[in-house]
Amino acid sequence: MIEVLGKIVCFVTVSVSFIYGTLLGLFSGEKFYYKRKYKIDSQILRGSYPLCLAMFCFGFVILYSHFFEDHVTIFIAALANALVLSQIVVFYSVTRSRNREM
């Protein structure tokens, strides 16, 4: 019973981490595009992009801890996947904003 409760808590934590990371990435990409017109580029991504990366990395560490045994493998795989996923989310939100504006 306790093991099942632990698995449920891990699943909810990973889900919330991915949802918040995606929302942070989407909103930072949209703000980045709209503020780019006024020549204020990098300050927006410096604030929210690392948070997006951290949220995804946290979720992937919890997820991969169920599949891998070695801590180095877990951390490297989680960091690599979080980096790729956060880049995809921010790039998608910038291109979505650009298409909506035209």
PDB file of N, CA and C in Angstrom:
ATOM      1  N   MET A   1       0.821  -1.193   0.000  1.00  0.00           N
ATOM      2  CA  MET A   1       0.000   0.000   0.000  1.00  0.00           C
ATOM      3  C   MET A   1       0.869   1.262   0.000  1.00  0.00           C
ATOM      4  N   ILE A   2       1.914   1.256   0.828  1.00  0.00           N
ATOM      5  CA  ILE A   2       2.804   2.411   0.913  1.00  0.00           C
ATOM      6  C   ILE A   2       3.584   2.572  -0.393  1.00  0.00           C
ATOM      7  N   GLU A   3       3.976   1.460  -1.022  1.00  0.00           N
ATOM      8  CA  GLU A   3       4.706   1.538  -2.289  1.00  0.00           C
ATOM      9  C   GLU A   3       3.841   2.130  -3.395  1.00  0.00           C
ATOM     10  N   VAL A   4       2.580   1.760  -3.421  1.00  0.00           N
ATOM     11  CA  VAL A   4       1.668   2.299  -4.425  1.00  0.00           C
ATOM     12  C   VAL A   4       1.470   3.796  -4.204  1.00  0.00           C
ATOM     13  N   LEU A   5       1.346   4.218  -2.969  1.00  0.00           N
ATOM     14  CA  LEU A   5       1.194   5.634  -2.657  1.00  0.00           C
ATOM     15  C   LEU A   5       2.444   6.414  -3.077  1.00  0.00           C
ATOM     16  N   GLY A   6       3.606   5.832  -2.870  1.00  0.00           N
ATOM     17  CA  GLY A   6       4.847   6.471  -3.305  1.00  0.00           C
ATOM     18  C   GLY A   6       4.927   6.622  -4.814  1.00  0.00           C
ATOM     19  N   LYS A   7       4.481   5.599  -5.543  1.00  0.00           N
ATOM     20  CA  LYS A   7       4.468   5.664  -7.012  1.00  0.00           C
ATOM     21  C   LYS A   7       3.480   6.725  -7.500  1.00  0.00           C
ATOM     22  N   ILE A   8       2.349   6.854  -6.841  1.00  0.00           N
ATOM     23  CA  ILE A   8       1.364   7.864  -7.218  1.00  0.00           C
ATOM     24  C   ILE A   8       1.922   9.261  -6.980  1.00  0.00           C
ATOM     25  N   VAL A   9       2.581   9.463  -5.860  1.00  0.00           N
ATOM     26  CA  VAL A   9       3.177  10.766  -5.557  1.00  0.00           C
ATOM     27  C   VAL A   9       4.260  11.106  -6.584  1.00  0.00           C
ATOM     28  N   CYS A  10       5.082  10.134  -6.971  1.00  0.00           N
ATOM     29  CA  CYS A  10       6.106  10.369  -7.995  1.00  0.00           C
ATOM     30  C   CYS A  10       5.478  10.709  -9.336  1.00  0.00           C
ATOM     31  N   PHE A  11       4.415  10.023  -9.714  1.00  0.00           N
ATOM     32  CA  PHE A  11       3.748  10.302 -10.984  1.00  0.00           C
ATOM     33  C   PHE A  11       3.153  11.704 -11.001  1.00  0.00           C
ATOM     34  N   VAL A  12       2.523  12.103  -9.912  1.00  0.00           N
ATOM     35  CA  VAL A  12       1.934  13.437  -9.831  1.00  0.00           C
ATOM     36  C   VAL A  12       3.025  14.503  -9.856  1.00  0.00           C
ATOM     37  N   THR A  13       4.121  14.268  -9.168  1.00  0.00           N
ATOM     38  CA  THR A  13       5.224  15.230  -9.153  1.00  0.00           C
ATOM     39  C   THR A  13       5.828  15.409 -10.534  1.00  0.00           C
ATOM     40  N   VAL A  14       6.036  14.320 -11.255  1.00  0.00           N
ATOM     41  CA  VAL A  14       6.569  14.400 -12.611  1.00  0.00           C
ATOM     42  C   VAL A  14       5.593  15.122 -13.532  1.00  0.00           C
ATOM     43  N   SER A  15       4.325  14.821 -13.415  1.00  0.00           N
ATOM     44  CA  SER A  15       3.316  15.475 -14.261  1.00  0.00           C
ATOM     45  C   SER A  15       3.265  16.976 -14.007  1.00  0.00           C
ATOM     46  N   VAL A  16       3.256  17.379 -12.761  1.00  0.00           N
ATOM     47  CA  VAL A  16       3.217  18.801 -12.426  1.00  0.00           C
ATOM     48  C   VAL A  16       4.502  19.494 -12.872  1.00  0.00           C
ATOM     49  N   SER A  17       5.622  18.831 -12.729  1.00  0.00           N
ATOM     50  CA  SER A  17       6.886  19.405 -13.174  1.00  0.00           C
ATOM     51  C   SER A  17       6.890  19.646 -14.677  1.00  0.00           C
ATOM     52  N   PHE A  18       6.398  18.691 -15.452  1.00  0.00           N
ATOM     53  CA  PHE A  18       6.344  18.869 -16.902  1.00  0.00           C
ATOM     54  C   PHE A  18       5.336  19.946 -17.309  1.00  0.00           C
ATOM     55  N   ILE A  19       4.216  20.015 -16.614  1.00  0.00           N
ATOM     56  CA  ILE A  19       3.214  21.035 -16.943  1.00  0.00           C
ATOM     57  C   ILE A  19       3.750  22.432 -16.644  1.00  0.00           C
ATOM     58  N   TYR A  20       4.346  22.627 -15.469  1.00  0.00           N
ATOM     59  CA  TYR A  20       4.880  23.945 -15.134  1.00  0.00           C
ATOM     60  C   TYR A  20       6.062  24.319 -16.009  1.00  0.00           C
ATOM     61  N   GLY A  21       6.908  23.359 -16.343  1.00  0.00           N
ATOM     62  CA  GLY A  21       8.028  23.635 -17.245  1.00  0.00           C
ATOM     63  C   GLY A  21       7.545  24.057 -18.617  1.00  0.00           C
ATOM     64  N   THR A  22       6.505  23.395 -19.109  1.00  0.00           N
ATOM     65  CA  THR A  22       5.950  23.759 -20.412  1.00  0.00           C
ATOM     66  C   THR A  22       5.324  25.147 -20.373  1.00  0.00           C
ATOM     67  N   LEU A  23       4.597  25.463 -19.326  1.00  0.00           N
ATOM     68  CA  LEU A  23       3.994  26.787 -19.218  1.00  0.00           C
ATOM     69  C   LEU A  23       5.053  27.877 -19.126  1.00  0.00           C
ATOM     70  N   LEU A  24       6.108  27.647 -18.360  1.00  0.00           N
ATOM     71  CA  LEU A  24       7.187  28.622 -18.277  1.00  0.00           C
ATOM     72  C   LEU A  24       7.849  28.832 -19.630  1.00  0.00           C
ATOM     73  N   GLY A  25       8.082  27.749 -20.359  1.00  0.00           N
ATOM     74  CA  GLY A  25       8.695  27.860 -21.678  1.00  0.00           C
ATOM     75  C   GLY A  25       7.807  28.576 -22.672  1.00  0.00           C
ATOM     76  N   LEU A  26       6.524  28.277 -22.654  1.00  0.00           N
ATOM     77  CA  LEU A  26       5.601  28.925 -23.580  1.00  0.00           C
ATOM     78  C   LEU A  26       5.492  30.417 -23.316  1.00  0.00           C
ATOM     79  N   PHE A  27       5.341  30.780 -22.055  1.00  0.00           N
ATOM     80  CA  PHE A  27       5.193  32.198 -21.746  1.00  0.00           C
ATOM     81  C   PHE A  27       6.484  32.975 -21.949  1.00  0.00           C
ATOM     82  N   SER A  28       7.632  32.358 -21.681  1.00  0.00           N
ATOM     83  CA  SER A  28       8.884  33.074 -21.910  1.00  0.00           C
ATOM     84  C   SER A  28       9.135  33.272 -23.394  1.00  0.00           C
ATOM     85  N   GLY A  29       8.775  32.312 -24.223  1.00  0.00           N
ATOM     86  CA  GLY A  29       8.939  32.471 -25.659  1.00  0.00           C
ATOM     87  C   GLY A  29       8.030  33.536 -26.227  1.00  0.00           C
ATOM     88  N   GLU A  30       6.792  33.608 -25.747  1.00  0.00           N
ATOM     89  CA  GLU A  30       5.875  34.642 -26.225  1.00  0.00           C
ATOM     90  C   GLU A  30       6.327  36.025 -25.782  1.00  0.00           C
ATOM     91  N   LYS A  31       6.770  36.165 -24.548  1.00  0.00           N
ATOM     92  CA  LYS A  31       7.270  37.453 -24.083  1.00  0.00           C
ATOM     93  C   LYS A  31       8.522  37.854 -24.852  1.00  0.00           C
ATOM     94  N   PHE A  32       9.355  36.881 -25.148  1.00  0.00           N
ATOM     95  CA  PHE A  32      10.589  37.165 -25.877  1.00  0.00           C
ATOM     96  C   PHE A  32      10.278  37.732 -27.256  1.00  0.00           C
ATOM     97  N   TYR A  33       9.290  37.183 -27.931  1.00  0.00           N
ATOM     98  CA  TYR A  33       8.977  37.674 -29.268  1.00  0.00           C
ATOM     99  C   TYR A  33       8.352  39.065 -29.222  1.00  0.00           C
ATOM    100  N   TYR A  34       7.439  39.291 -28.306  1.00  0.00           N
ATOM    101  CA  TYR A  34       6.772  40.586 -28.266  1.00  0.00           C
ATOM    102  C   TYR A  34       7.700  41.694 -27.794  1.00  0.00           C
ATOM    103  N   LYS A  35       8.619  41.397 -26.906  1.00  0.00           N
ATOM    104  CA  LYS A  35       9.553  42.413 -26.441  1.00  0.00           C
ATOM    105  C   LYS A  35      10.695  42.620 -27.420  1.00  0.00           C
ATOM    106  N   ARG A  36      10.900  41.686 -28.343  1.00  0.00           N
ATOM    107  CA  ARG A  36      11.986  41.815 -29.297  1.00  0.00           C
ATOM    108  C   ARG A  36      11.776  43.026 -30.193  1.00  0.00           C
ATOM    109  N   LYS A  37      10.550  43.402 -30.401  1.00  0.00           N
ATOM    110  CA  LYS A  37      10.262  44.573 -31.211  1.00  0.00           C
ATOM    111  C   LYS A  37      10.817  45.836 -30.567  1.00  0.00           C
ATOM    112  N   TYR A  38      10.952  45.830 -29.270  1.00  0.00           N
ATOM    113  CA  TYR A  38      11.422  47.009 -28.550  1.00  0.00           C
ATOM    114  C   TYR A  38      12.876  46.877 -28.113  1.00  0.00           C
ATOM    115  N   LYS A  39      13.604  45.949 -28.683  1.00  0.00           N
ATOM    116  CA  LYS A  39      15.048  45.767 -28.457  1.00  0.00           C
ATOM    117  C   LYS A  39      15.393  45.357 -27.035  1.00  0.00           C
ATOM    118  N   ILE A  40      14.520  44.623 -26.381  1.00  0.00           N
ATOM    119  CA  ILE A  40      14.825  44.067 -25.060  1.00  0.00           C
ATOM    120  C   ILE A  40      14.749  42.552 -25.217  1.00  0.00           C
ATOM    121  N   ASP A  41      15.849  41.942 -25.609  1.00  0.00           N
ATOM    122  CA  ASP A  41      15.828  40.531 -25.977  1.00  0.00           C
ATOM    123  C   ASP A  41      16.102  39.590 -24.816  1.00  0.00           C
ATOM    124  N   SER A  42      17.326  39.584 -24.391  1.00  0.00           N
ATOM    125  CA  SER A  42      17.827  38.467 -23.598  1.00  0.00           C
ATOM    126  C   SER A  42      17.423  38.499 -22.131  1.00  0.00           C
ATOM    127  N   GLN A  43      16.957  39.602 -21.610  1.00  0.00           N
ATOM    128  CA  GLN A  43      16.603  39.648 -20.195  1.00  0.00           C
ATOM    129  C   GLN A  43      15.441  38.716 -19.861  1.00  0.00           C
ATOM    130  N   ILE A  44      14.526  38.564 -20.786  1.00  0.00           N
ATOM    131  CA  ILE A  44      13.361  37.712 -20.536  1.00  0.00           C
ATOM    132  C   ILE A  44      13.764  36.251 -20.498  1.00  0.00           C
ATOM    133  N   LEU A  45      14.575  35.818 -21.469  1.00  0.00           N
ATOM    134  CA  LEU A  45      14.988  34.415 -21.485  1.00  0.00           C
ATOM    135  C   LEU A  45      15.974  34.090 -20.377  1.00  0.00           C
ATOM    136  N   ARG A  46      16.728  35.065 -19.915  1.00  0.00           N
ATOM    137  CA  ARG A  46      17.635  34.809 -18.793  1.00  0.00           C
ATOM    138  C   ARG A  46      16.876  34.518 -17.507  1.00  0.00           C
ATOM    139  N   GLY A  47      15.682  35.042 -17.384  1.00  0.00           N
ATOM    140  CA  GLY A  47      14.922  34.839 -16.159  1.00  0.00           C
ATOM    141  C   GLY A  47      14.120  33.560 -16.138  1.00  0.00           C
ATOM    142  N   SER A  48      13.407  33.274 -17.224  1.00  0.00           N
ATOM    143  CA  SER A  48      12.476  32.156 -17.163  1.00  0.00           C
ATOM    144  C   SER A  48      12.977  30.887 -17.855  1.00  0.00           C
ATOM    145  N   TYR A  49      13.922  30.987 -18.776  1.00  0.00           N
ATOM    146  CA  TYR A  49      14.422  29.781 -19.432  1.00  0.00           C
ATOM    147  C   TYR A  49      15.161  28.845 -18.464  1.00  0.00           C
ATOM    148  N   PRO A  50      16.028  29.339 -17.570  1.00  0.00           N
ATOM    149  CA  PRO A  50      16.646  28.416 -16.610  1.00  0.00           C
ATOM    150  C   PRO A  50      15.636  27.743 -15.679  1.00  0.00           C
ATOM    151  N   LEU A  51      14.564  28.448 -15.346  1.00  0.00           N
ATOM    152  CA  LEU A  51      13.523  27.821 -14.522  1.00  0.00           C
ATOM    153  C   LEU A  51      12.815  26.711 -15.285  1.00  0.00           C
ATOM    154  N   CYS A  52      12.566  26.943 -16.557  1.00  0.00           N
ATOM    155  CA  CYS A  52      11.960  25.921 -17.407  1.00  0.00           C
ATOM    156  C   CYS A  52      12.870  24.700 -17.479  1.00  0.00           C
ATOM    157  N   LEU A  53      14.158  24.932 -17.683  1.00  0.00           N
ATOM    158  CA  LEU A  53      15.131  23.840 -17.740  1.00  0.00           C
ATOM    159  C   LEU A  53      15.194  23.085 -16.418  1.00  0.00           C
ATOM    160  N   ALA A  54      15.165  23.803 -15.308  1.00  0.00           N
ATOM    161  CA  ALA A  54      15.221  23.158 -13.994  1.00  0.00           C
ATOM    162  C   ALA A  54      13.981  22.316 -13.721  1.00  0.00           C
ATOM    163  N   MET A  55      12.820  22.819 -14.122  1.00  0.00           N
ATOM    164  CA  MET A  55      11.590  22.055 -13.908  1.00  0.00           C
ATOM    165  C   MET A  55      11.592  20.759 -14.723  1.00  0.00           C
ATOM    166  N   PHE A  56      12.007  20.853 -15.983  1.00  0.00           N
ATOM    167  CA  PHE A  56      12.084  19.646 -16.807  1.00  0.00           C
ATOM    168  C   PHE A  56      13.128  18.673 -16.268  1.00  0.00           C
ATOM    169  N   CYS A  57      14.268  19.197 -15.837  1.00  0.00           N
ATOM    170  CA  CYS A  57      15.329  18.330 -15.313  1.00  0.00           C
ATOM    171  C   CYS A  57      14.859  17.613 -14.047  1.00  0.00           C
ATOM    172  N   PHE A  58      14.157  18.313 -13.180  1.00  0.00           N
ATOM    173  CA  PHE A  58      13.625  17.707 -11.962  1.00  0.00           C
ATOM    174  C   PHE A  58      12.658  16.570 -12.290  1.00  0.00           C
ATOM    175  N   GLY A  59      11.787  16.809 -13.253  1.00  0.00           N
ATOM    176  CA  GLY A  59      10.837  15.772 -13.656  1.00  0.00           C
ATOM    177  C   GLY A  59      11.528  14.569 -14.270  1.00  0.00           C
ATOM    178  N   PHE A  60      12.535  14.818 -15.112  1.00  0.00           N
ATOM    179  CA  PHE A  60      13.246  13.707 -15.735  1.00  0.00           C
ATOM    180  C   PHE A  60      14.089  12.923 -14.730  1.00  0.00           C
ATOM    181  N   VAL A  61      14.629  13.596 -13.733  1.00  0.00           N
ATOM    182  CA  VAL A  61      15.397  12.872 -12.702  1.00  0.00           C
ATOM    183  C   VAL A  61      14.482  11.907 -11.957  1.00  0.00           C
ATOM    184  N   ILE A  62      13.306  12.347 -11.597  1.00  0.00           N
ATOM    185  CA  ILE A  62      12.363  11.458 -10.908  1.00  0.00           C
ATOM    186  C   ILE A  62      11.937  10.316 -11.826  1.00  0.00           C
ATOM    187  N   LEU A  63      11.677  10.638 -13.083  1.00  0.00           N
ATOM    188  CA  LEU A  63      11.240   9.615 -14.031  1.00  0.00           C
ATOM    189  C   LEU A  63      12.330   8.580 -14.287  1.00  0.00           C
ATOM    190  N   TYR A  64      13.552   9.036 -14.510  1.00  0.00           N
ATOM    191  CA  TYR A  64      14.639   8.105 -14.828  1.00  0.00           C
ATOM    192  C   TYR A  64      15.153   7.346 -13.616  1.00  0.00           C
ATOM    193  N   SER A  65      14.834   7.802 -12.424  1.00  0.00           N
ATOM    194  CA  SER A  65      15.269   7.061 -11.243  1.00  0.00           C
ATOM    195  C   SER A  65      14.557   5.713 -11.126  1.00  0.00           C
ATOM    196  N   HIS A  66      13.455   5.562 -11.850  1.00  0.00           N
ATOM    197  CA  HIS A  66      12.748   4.279 -11.864  1.00  0.00           C
ATOM    198  C   HIS A  66      13.325   3.320 -12.906  1.00  0.00           C
ATOM    199  N   PHE A  67      14.080   3.852 -13.878  1.00  0.00           N
ATOM    200  CA  PHE A  67      14.590   3.017 -14.959  1.00  0.00           C
ATOM    201  C   PHE A  67      16.074   2.692 -14.840  1.00  0.00           C
ATOM    202  N   PHE A  68      16.864   3.619 -14.302  1.00  0.00           N
ATOM    203  CA  PHE A  68      18.310   3.437 -14.217  1.00  0.00           C
ATOM    204  C   PHE A  68      18.760   3.321 -12.771  1.00  0.00           C
ATOM    205  N   GLU A  69      19.911   2.699 -12.567  1.00  0.00           N
ATOM    206  CA  GLU A  69      20.455   2.525 -11.224  1.00  0.00           C
ATOM    207  C   GLU A  69      21.557   3.536 -10.909  1.00  0.00           C
ATOM    208  N   ASP A  70      22.372   3.873 -11.893  1.00  0.00           N
ATOM    209  CA  ASP A  70      23.528   4.736 -11.676  1.00  0.00           C
ATOM    210  C   ASP A  70      23.092   6.206 -11.618  1.00  0.00           C
ATOM    211  N   HIS A  71      23.584   6.929 -10.614  1.00  0.00           N
ATOM    212  CA  HIS A  71      23.184   8.316 -10.431  1.00  0.00           C
ATOM    213  C   HIS A  71      23.727   9.232 -11.520  1.00  0.00           C
ATOM    214  N   VAL A  72      24.920   8.938 -12.011  1.00  0.00           N
ATOM    215  CA  VAL A  72      25.506   9.752 -13.074  1.00  0.00           C
ATOM    216  C   VAL A  72      24.694   9.601 -14.364  1.00  0.00           C
ATOM    217  N   THR A  73      24.295   8.395 -14.669  1.00  0.00           N
ATOM    218  CA  THR A  73      23.472   8.154 -15.858  1.00  0.00           C
ATOM    219  C   THR A  73      22.134   8.865 -15.755  1.00  0.00           C
ATOM    220  N   ILE A  74      21.536   8.823 -14.588  1.00  0.00           N
ATOM    221  CA  ILE A  74      20.252   9.501 -14.378  1.00  0.00           C
ATOM    222  C   ILE A  74      20.398  10.993 -14.605  1.00  0.00           C
ATOM    223  N   PHE A  75      21.429  11.595 -14.011  1.00  0.00           N
ATOM    224  CA  PHE A  75      21.592  13.034 -14.109  1.00  0.00           C
ATOM    225  C   PHE A  75      21.935  13.476 -15.530  1.00  0.00           C
ATOM    226  N   ILE A  76      22.821  12.754 -16.209  1.00  0.00           N
ATOM    227  CA  ILE A  76      23.204  13.133 -17.573  1.00  0.00           C
ATOM    228  C   ILE A  76      22.027  12.973 -18.529  1.00  0.00           C
ATOM    229  N   ALA A  77      21.297  11.881 -18.428  1.00  0.00           N
ATOM    230  CA  ALA A  77      20.140  11.668 -19.301  1.00  0.00           C
ATOM    231  C   ALA A  77      19.053  12.707 -19.028  1.00  0.00           C
ATOM    232  N   ALA A  78      18.822  13.014 -17.767  1.00  0.00           N
ATOM    233  CA  ALA A  78      17.799  14.005 -17.419  1.00  0.00           C
ATOM    234  C   ALA A  78      18.191  15.394 -17.901  1.00  0.00           C
ATOM    235  N   LEU A  79      19.448  15.761 -17.745  1.00  0.00           N
ATOM    236  CA  LEU A  79      19.898  17.077 -18.185  1.00  0.00           C
ATOM    237  C   LEU A  79      19.847  17.203 -19.701  1.00  0.00           C
ATOM    238  N   ALA A  80      20.250  16.176 -20.405  1.00  0.00           N
ATOM    239  CA  ALA A  80      20.217  16.220 -21.868  1.00  0.00           C
ATOM    240  C   ALA A  80      18.785  16.305 -22.387  1.00  0.00           C
ATOM    241  N   ASN A  81      17.902  15.501 -21.846  1.00  0.00           N
ATOM    242  CA  ASN A  81      16.512  15.538 -22.293  1.00  0.00           C
ATOM    243  C   ASN A  81      15.810  16.837 -21.894  1.00  0.00           C
ATOM    244  N   ALA A  82      16.125  17.364 -20.723  1.00  0.00           N
ATOM    245  CA  ALA A  82      15.528  18.629 -20.302  1.00  0.00           C
ATOM    246  C   ALA A  82      16.002  19.775 -21.186  1.00  0.00           C
ATOM    247  N   LEU A  83      17.264  19.753 -21.574  1.00  0.00           N
ATOM    248  CA  LEU A  83      17.790  20.790 -22.453  1.00  0.00           C
ATOM    249  C   LEU A  83      17.102  20.759 -23.813  1.00  0.00           C
ATOM    250  N   VAL A  84      16.960  19.578 -24.377  1.00  0.00           N
ATOM    251  CA  VAL A  84      16.306  19.445 -25.677  1.00  0.00           C
ATOM    252  C   VAL A  84      14.826  19.833 -25.590  1.00  0.00           C
ATOM    253  N   LEU A  85      14.145  19.360 -24.574  1.00  0.00           N
ATOM    254  CA  LEU A  85      12.716  19.648 -24.449  1.00  0.00           C
ATOM    255  C   LEU A  85      12.446  21.129 -24.199  1.00  0.00           C
ATOM    256  N   SER A  86      13.261  21.774 -23.376  1.00  0.00           N
ATOM    257  CA  SER A  86      13.047  23.197 -23.131  1.00  0.00           C
ATOM    258  C   SER A  86      13.342  24.024 -24.376  1.00  0.00           C
ATOM    259  N   GLN A  87      14.339  23.636 -25.161  1.00  0.00           N
ATOM    260  CA  GLN A  87      14.605  24.333 -26.424  1.00  0.00           C
ATOM    261  C   GLN A  87      13.434  24.189 -27.386  1.00  0.00           C
ATOM    262  N   ILE A  88      12.877  23.005 -27.463  1.00  0.00           N
ATOM    263  CA  ILE A  88      11.738  22.767 -28.354  1.00  0.00           C
ATOM    264  C   ILE A  88      10.534  23.596 -27.930  1.00  0.00           C
ATOM    265  N   VAL A  89      10.255  23.643 -26.641  1.00  0.00           N
ATOM    266  CA  VAL A  89       9.089  24.382 -26.159  1.00  0.00           C
ATOM    267  C   VAL A  89       9.250  25.882 -26.407  1.00  0.00           C
ATOM    268  N   VAL A  90      10.424  26.438 -26.111  1.00  0.00           N
ATOM    269  CA  VAL A  90      10.636  27.871 -26.317  1.00  0.00           C
ATOM    270  C   VAL A  90      10.617  28.196 -27.809  1.00  0.00           C
ATOM    271  N   PHE A  91      11.244  27.371 -28.640  1.00  0.00           N
ATOM    272  CA  PHE A  91      11.243  27.616 -30.084  1.00  0.00           C
ATOM    273  C   PHE A  91       9.828  27.536 -30.641  1.00  0.00           C
ATOM    274  N   TYR A  92       9.053  26.593 -30.162  1.00  0.00           N
ATOM    275  CA  TYR A  92       7.662  26.463 -30.610  1.00  0.00           C
ATOM    276  C   TYR A  92       6.850  27.695 -30.234  1.00  0.00           C
ATOM    277  N   SER A  93       7.030  28.197 -29.037  1.00  0.00           N
ATOM    278  CA  SER A  93       6.234  29.349 -28.619  1.00  0.00           C
ATOM    279  C   SER A  93       6.633  30.608 -29.369  1.00  0.00           C
ATOM    280  N   VAL A  94       7.912  30.762 -29.708  1.00  0.00           N
ATOM    281  CA  VAL A  94       8.332  31.935 -30.478  1.00  0.00           C
ATOM    282  C   VAL A  94       7.771  31.864 -31.889  1.00  0.00           C
ATOM    283  N   THR A  95       7.831  30.711 -32.532  1.00  0.00           N
ATOM    284  CA  THR A  95       7.304  30.600 -33.887  1.00  0.00           C
ATOM    285  C   THR A  95       5.779  30.684 -33.895  1.00  0.00           C
ATOM    286  N   ARG A  96       5.136  30.189 -32.852  1.00  0.00           N
ATOM    287  CA  ARG A  96       3.686  30.305 -32.768  1.00  0.00           C
ATOM    288  C   ARG A  96       3.279  31.759 -32.627  1.00  0.00           C
ATOM    289  N   SER A  97       3.998  32.524 -31.838  1.00  0.00           N
ATOM    290  CA  SER A  97       3.706  33.944 -31.674  1.00  0.00           C
ATOM    291  C   SER A  97       3.950  34.694 -32.977  1.00  0.00           C
ATOM    292  N   ARG A  98       5.008  34.331 -33.674  1.00  0.00           N
ATOM    293  CA  ARG A  98       5.326  34.998 -34.916  1.00  0.00           C
ATOM    294  C   ARG A  98       4.254  34.712 -35.972  1.00  0.00           C
ATOM    295  N   ASN A  99       3.751  33.513 -36.042  1.00  0.00           N
ATOM    296  CA  ASN A  99       2.713  33.186 -37.009  1.00  0.00           C
ATOM    297  C   ASN A  99       1.385  33.842 -36.653  1.00  0.00           C
ATOM    298  N   ARG A 100       1.103  33.977 -35.392  1.00  0.00           N
ATOM    299  CA  ARG A 100      -0.146  34.599 -34.964  1.00  0.00           C
ATOM    300  C   ARG A 100      -0.111  36.103 -35.223  1.00  0.00           C
ATOM    301  N   GLU A 101       1.050  36.705 -35.164  1.00  0.00           N
ATOM    302  CA  GLU A 101       1.178  38.139 -35.341  1.00  0.00           C
ATOM    303  C   GLU A 101       0.990  38.534 -36.804  1.00  0.00           C
ATOM    304  N   MET A 102       1.401  37.699 -37.743  1.00  0.00           N
ATOM    305  CA  MET A 102       1.337  38.053 -39.164  1.00  0.00           C
ATOM    306  C   MET A 102      -0.008  37.884 -39.748  1.00  0.00           C
TER     307      MET A 102
END
